[in-house]
Amino acid sequence: MKLLLAEDEKEMQFALVKVFERQGYEVDSAYDGEKALQLAKSGTYDCMIFDIMMPKMDGLEVLRRIREDGNVTPVLMLTAKAEVDDRITGLDAGADDYLTKPFAIRELLARVRSLTRRNTFYTPQELSVGNVTLHIGSQELAAENTIRLANKETKLMELLMLNSGKKVTTQVAFERVWGDDADADPEVVWLYISYLRQKLESVEANVEIKGEKDKSYCLCVKAQEMAEA
């Protein structure tokens, strides 16, 4: 699993990154809010951890902006403030959980585990990009026409739509969609990308999946459609 950690206290950030890495997480880190926002918009994460008090842009503003963009990744806010009003402000802005400094590392790890387990609970049951809508419950992909998807196709399309405009690596796609299948091989990602490309064409979608075998993939609105817009 991959985390984004935004913490401006360099010693604490270094320590937290090491703790998370020892637990098997991959971690991207930022010392200020602008860098955190840039990473959040370009990367694919299972959970994001933002300190509220950061230079250039505070954690609450980063949170507001990613939620406005439709990013539903779970977010844990870290703060030195203990007042109820501050926690309410963060939760209203779209935070999923709150942890006040100083905190126990075991509690931080437990909260992150909880948020990553609950991630699917927060995923919308209907996703839209361009003229394409994915109905997750019924596993239907709709644009000018409608077509049913297989279970793994639905999960892969959901991942791409939740991260539209971002690059999703083959490894991330494999872990997210086939992580519970011990017999699967990363080669299967390319196969399912090919299936989804065919089905997007069949429903006359104005979006496409860009990318090459064994590299990264990105769901994007077609260039012609963007020019006309």
Protein backbone atom coordinates (compact mmCIF):
# COMPACT_ATOMS: atom_id res chain seq x y z
CA MET A 1 0.00 0.00 0.00
CA LYS A 2 1.11 3.54 -0.72
CA LEU A 3 0.80 6.55 1.57
CA LEU A 4 1.24 10.30 1.15
CA LEU A 5 2.67 11.97 4.27
CA ALA A 6 2.73 15.78 4.51
CA GLU A 7 4.55 16.95 7.64
CA ASP A 8 6.70 20.09 7.89
CA GLU A 9 8.70 19.02 10.96
CA LYS A 10 11.58 17.29 9.19
CA GLU A 11 12.70 15.10 12.08
CA MET A 12 9.16 13.86 12.66
CA GLN A 13 8.62 13.27 8.97
CA PHE A 14 11.84 11.26 8.69
CA ALA A 15 10.87 9.15 11.71
CA LEU A 16 7.31 8.54 10.47
CA VAL A 17 8.49 7.55 6.99
CA LYS A 18 10.83 4.97 8.54
CA VAL A 19 8.04 3.62 10.76
CA PHE A 20 5.66 3.23 7.84
CA GLU A 21 8.30 1.65 5.61
CA ARG A 22 9.08 -0.91 8.31
CA GLN A 23 5.38 -1.78 8.27
CA GLY A 24 5.58 -2.47 4.53
CA TYR A 25 4.11 0.79 3.21
CA GLU A 26 5.52 2.77 0.31
CA VAL A 27 5.63 6.46 1.26
CA ASP A 28 5.79 9.73 -0.66
CA SER A 29 6.49 12.73 1.57
CA ALA A 30 6.16 16.51 1.44
CA TYR A 31 7.31 19.32 3.73
CA ASP A 32 4.77 21.93 2.59
CA GLY A 33 1.18 22.12 1.43
CA GLU A 34 1.90 23.02 -2.18
CA LYS A 35 4.06 19.92 -2.67
CA ALA A 36 1.46 17.80 -0.89
CA LEU A 37 -1.25 19.06 -3.25
CA GLN A 38 0.93 18.38 -6.28
CA LEU A 39 1.61 14.81 -5.16
CA ALA A 40 -2.04 14.19 -4.24
CA LYS A 41 -3.18 15.31 -7.69
CA SER A 42 -0.60 13.28 -9.60
CA GLY A 43 -0.20 10.12 -7.52
CA THR A 44 -2.29 7.12 -6.52
CA TYR A 45 -2.52 6.54 -2.77
CA ASP A 46 -4.35 4.27 -0.32
CA CYS A 47 -4.31 6.90 2.44
CA MET A 48 -3.05 10.48 2.85
CA ILE A 49 -1.82 12.01 6.11
CA PHE A 50 -1.75 15.80 6.34
CA ASP A 51 -0.42 17.98 9.13
CA ILE A 52 -2.64 21.06 9.45
CA MET A 53 0.08 23.64 10.10
CA MET A 54 2.33 23.64 7.03
CA PRO A 55 4.09 26.40 5.06
CA LYS A 56 2.82 27.67 1.67
CA MET A 57 -0.59 26.00 2.13
CA ASP A 58 -2.11 24.49 5.26
CA GLY A 59 -3.40 20.95 5.40
CA LEU A 60 -7.05 22.01 5.49
CA GLU A 61 -6.69 23.89 2.21
CA VAL A 62 -4.95 20.91 0.60
CA LEU A 63 -7.80 18.73 1.81
CA ARG A 64 -10.47 21.08 0.46
CA ARG A 65 -8.84 21.22 -2.95
CA ILE A 66 -8.46 17.49 -3.43
CA ARG A 67 -12.06 16.90 -2.33
CA GLU A 68 -13.23 19.54 -4.81
CA ASP A 69 -11.41 17.55 -7.50
CA GLY A 70 -13.39 14.45 -6.52
CA ASN A 71 -10.53 12.65 -4.78
CA VAL A 72 -12.06 10.22 -2.25
CA THR A 73 -8.82 8.79 -0.85
CA PRO A 74 -9.05 8.49 2.97
CA VAL A 75 -7.34 11.40 4.76
CA LEU A 76 -6.02 11.48 8.33
CA MET A 77 -5.31 14.95 9.73
CA LEU A 78 -2.49 15.57 12.23
CA THR A 79 -2.62 18.65 14.44
CA ALA A 80 -1.17 20.14 17.59
CA LYS A 81 -4.53 21.75 18.24
CA ALA A 82 -6.94 19.92 20.50
CA GLU A 83 -9.92 22.27 20.36
CA VAL A 84 -13.23 20.77 19.25
CA ASP A 85 -13.83 23.56 16.68
CA ASP A 86 -10.58 22.70 14.88
CA ARG A 87 -11.51 19.04 14.62
CA ILE A 88 -14.97 19.95 13.32
CA THR A 89 -13.45 22.23 10.69
CA GLY A 90 -11.24 19.42 9.44
CA LEU A 91 -14.04 16.86 9.36
CA ASP A 92 -16.33 19.29 7.56
CA ALA A 93 -13.60 19.88 4.97
CA GLY A 94 -13.59 16.15 4.18
CA ALA A 95 -11.18 14.54 6.64
CA ASP A 96 -11.91 10.91 7.54
CA ASP A 97 -10.09 10.92 10.87
CA TYR A 98 -8.14 13.19 13.20
CA LEU A 99 -5.12 12.63 15.46
CA THR A 100 -3.81 15.21 17.92
CA LYS A 101 -0.08 15.60 18.63
CA PRO A 102 1.63 14.17 20.56
CA PHE A 103 0.34 10.74 19.60
CA ALA A 104 1.43 7.15 20.08
CA ILE A 105 2.90 5.53 16.95
CA ARG A 106 0.79 2.42 17.57
CA GLU A 107 -2.37 4.53 17.46
CA LEU A 108 -1.28 6.25 14.23
CA LEU A 109 -0.63 2.87 12.59
CA ALA A 110 -3.97 1.53 13.82
CA ARG A 111 -5.85 4.52 12.40
CA VAL A 112 -4.11 4.18 9.04
CA ARG A 113 -4.94 0.46 8.93
CA SER A 114 -8.56 1.27 9.74
CA LEU A 115 -8.81 3.89 7.00
CA THR A 116 -7.25 1.69 4.34
CA ARG A 117 -9.58 -1.18 5.26
CA ARG A 118 -12.59 1.14 4.95
CA ASN A 119 -11.46 2.70 1.67
CA THR A 120 -13.92 0.73 -0.46
CA PHE A 121 -16.77 1.84 1.80
CA TYR A 122 -16.22 5.46 0.78
CA THR A 123 -16.01 4.78 -2.96
CA PRO A 124 -19.05 6.20 -4.79
CA GLN A 125 -21.28 3.59 -6.41
CA GLU A 126 -21.40 5.62 -9.61
CA LEU A 127 -18.35 7.21 -11.25
CA SER A 128 -18.27 9.49 -14.30
CA VAL A 129 -15.46 10.68 -16.56
CA GLY A 130 -16.24 12.39 -19.86
CA ASN A 131 -19.43 10.85 -21.23
CA VAL A 132 -18.73 7.53 -19.47
CA THR A 133 -20.46 6.36 -16.31
CA LEU A 134 -19.50 3.25 -14.35
CA HIS A 135 -22.29 1.74 -12.24
CA ILE A 136 -20.25 -0.29 -9.78
CA GLY A 137 -23.07 -2.27 -8.20
CA SER A 138 -24.52 -3.51 -11.49
CA GLN A 139 -21.07 -3.61 -13.17
CA GLU A 140 -22.32 -1.61 -16.14
CA LEU A 141 -20.29 0.79 -18.28
CA ALA A 142 -22.44 3.38 -20.04
CA ALA A 143 -21.91 6.15 -22.60
CA GLU A 144 -23.86 6.21 -25.87
CA ASN A 145 -24.49 2.51 -25.24
CA THR A 146 -24.27 0.26 -22.18
CA ILE A 147 -22.27 -2.91 -21.62
CA ARG A 148 -21.75 -5.26 -18.70
CA LEU A 149 -18.28 -5.75 -17.26
CA ALA A 150 -16.73 -8.72 -15.50
CA ASN A 151 -15.81 -8.33 -11.83
CA LYS A 152 -12.09 -7.65 -12.39
CA GLU A 153 -12.88 -5.33 -15.30
CA THR A 154 -15.15 -3.32 -13.01
CA LYS A 155 -12.46 -3.05 -10.34
CA LEU A 156 -9.81 -1.99 -12.84
CA MET A 157 -12.12 0.55 -14.47
CA GLU A 158 -13.04 1.89 -11.02
CA LEU A 159 -9.34 2.36 -10.21
CA LEU A 160 -8.71 4.20 -13.48
CA MET A 161 -11.77 6.42 -13.08
CA LEU A 162 -10.96 7.31 -9.48
CA ASN A 163 -7.55 8.38 -10.74
CA SER A 164 -8.55 9.86 -14.11
CA GLY A 165 -5.83 12.02 -15.56
CA LYS A 166 -3.22 10.31 -13.37
CA LYS A 167 -0.76 7.57 -14.25
CA VAL A 168 -1.53 4.22 -12.61
CA THR A 169 1.38 1.81 -12.78
CA THR A 170 0.99 -1.83 -13.74
CA GLN A 171 2.16 -2.81 -10.25
CA VAL A 172 -0.41 -0.61 -8.50
CA ALA A 173 -3.19 -1.93 -10.74
CA PHE A 174 -2.13 -5.51 -10.09
CA GLU A 175 -1.99 -5.03 -6.32
CA ARG A 176 -5.34 -3.22 -6.14
CA VAL A 177 -7.30 -5.56 -8.41
CA TRP A 178 -5.57 -8.95 -8.14
CA GLY A 179 -3.85 -8.61 -4.76
CA ASP A 180 -5.95 -11.40 -3.24
CA ASP A 181 -5.31 -13.83 -6.10
CA ALA A 182 -2.17 -15.85 -5.39
CA ASP A 183 -2.25 -17.45 -8.85
CA ALA A 184 -2.41 -14.19 -10.81
CA ASP A 185 0.51 -12.67 -12.72
CA PRO A 186 1.08 -8.95 -13.50
CA GLU A 187 0.77 -9.81 -17.20
CA VAL A 188 -2.99 -10.02 -16.60
CA VAL A 189 -3.19 -6.22 -16.25
CA TRP A 190 -2.34 -5.65 -19.91
CA LEU A 191 -4.92 -8.24 -20.94
CA TYR A 192 -7.67 -6.49 -18.98
CA ILE A 193 -6.58 -3.07 -20.24
CA SER A 194 -7.14 -4.46 -23.75
CA TYR A 195 -10.61 -5.71 -22.75
CA LEU A 196 -11.55 -2.30 -21.33
CA ARG A 197 -10.28 -0.47 -24.41
CA GLN A 198 -12.54 -2.62 -26.58
CA LYS A 199 -15.52 -2.02 -24.33
CA LEU A 200 -14.95 1.74 -24.22
CA GLU A 201 -15.05 1.72 -28.01
CA SER A 202 -18.21 -0.38 -28.04
CA VAL A 203 -20.10 2.14 -25.87
CA GLU A 204 -18.75 5.05 -27.97
CA ALA A 205 -16.86 6.60 -25.07
CA ASN A 206 -15.09 9.92 -25.45
CA VAL A 207 -12.37 8.74 -23.07
CA GLU A 208 -9.46 6.40 -23.72
CA ILE A 209 -6.89 4.44 -21.76
CA LYS A 210 -3.39 5.56 -22.68
CA GLY A 211 -0.27 3.58 -21.86
CA GLU A 212 1.91 0.66 -22.90
CA LYS A 213 2.31 -2.91 -21.69
CA ASP A 214 4.07 -3.26 -18.31
CA LYS A 215 4.19 0.52 -17.84
CA SER A 216 1.63 3.06 -16.61
CA TYR A 217 -1.94 3.66 -17.74
CA CYS A 218 -4.04 6.80 -17.70
CA LEU A 219 -7.75 7.28 -18.36
CA CYS A 220 -8.09 10.55 -20.28
CA VAL A 221 -10.68 12.44 -22.28
CA LYS A 222 -9.78 12.14 -25.97
CA ALA A 223 -7.80 15.05 -27.36
CA GLN A 224 -10.47 15.94 -29.94
CA GLU A 225 -13.14 16.11 -27.24
CA MET A 226 -10.95 18.37 -25.10
CA ALA A 227 -10.31 20.69 -28.07
CA GLU A 228 -14.02 20.99 -28.82
CA ALA A 229 -14.76 21.74 -25.15
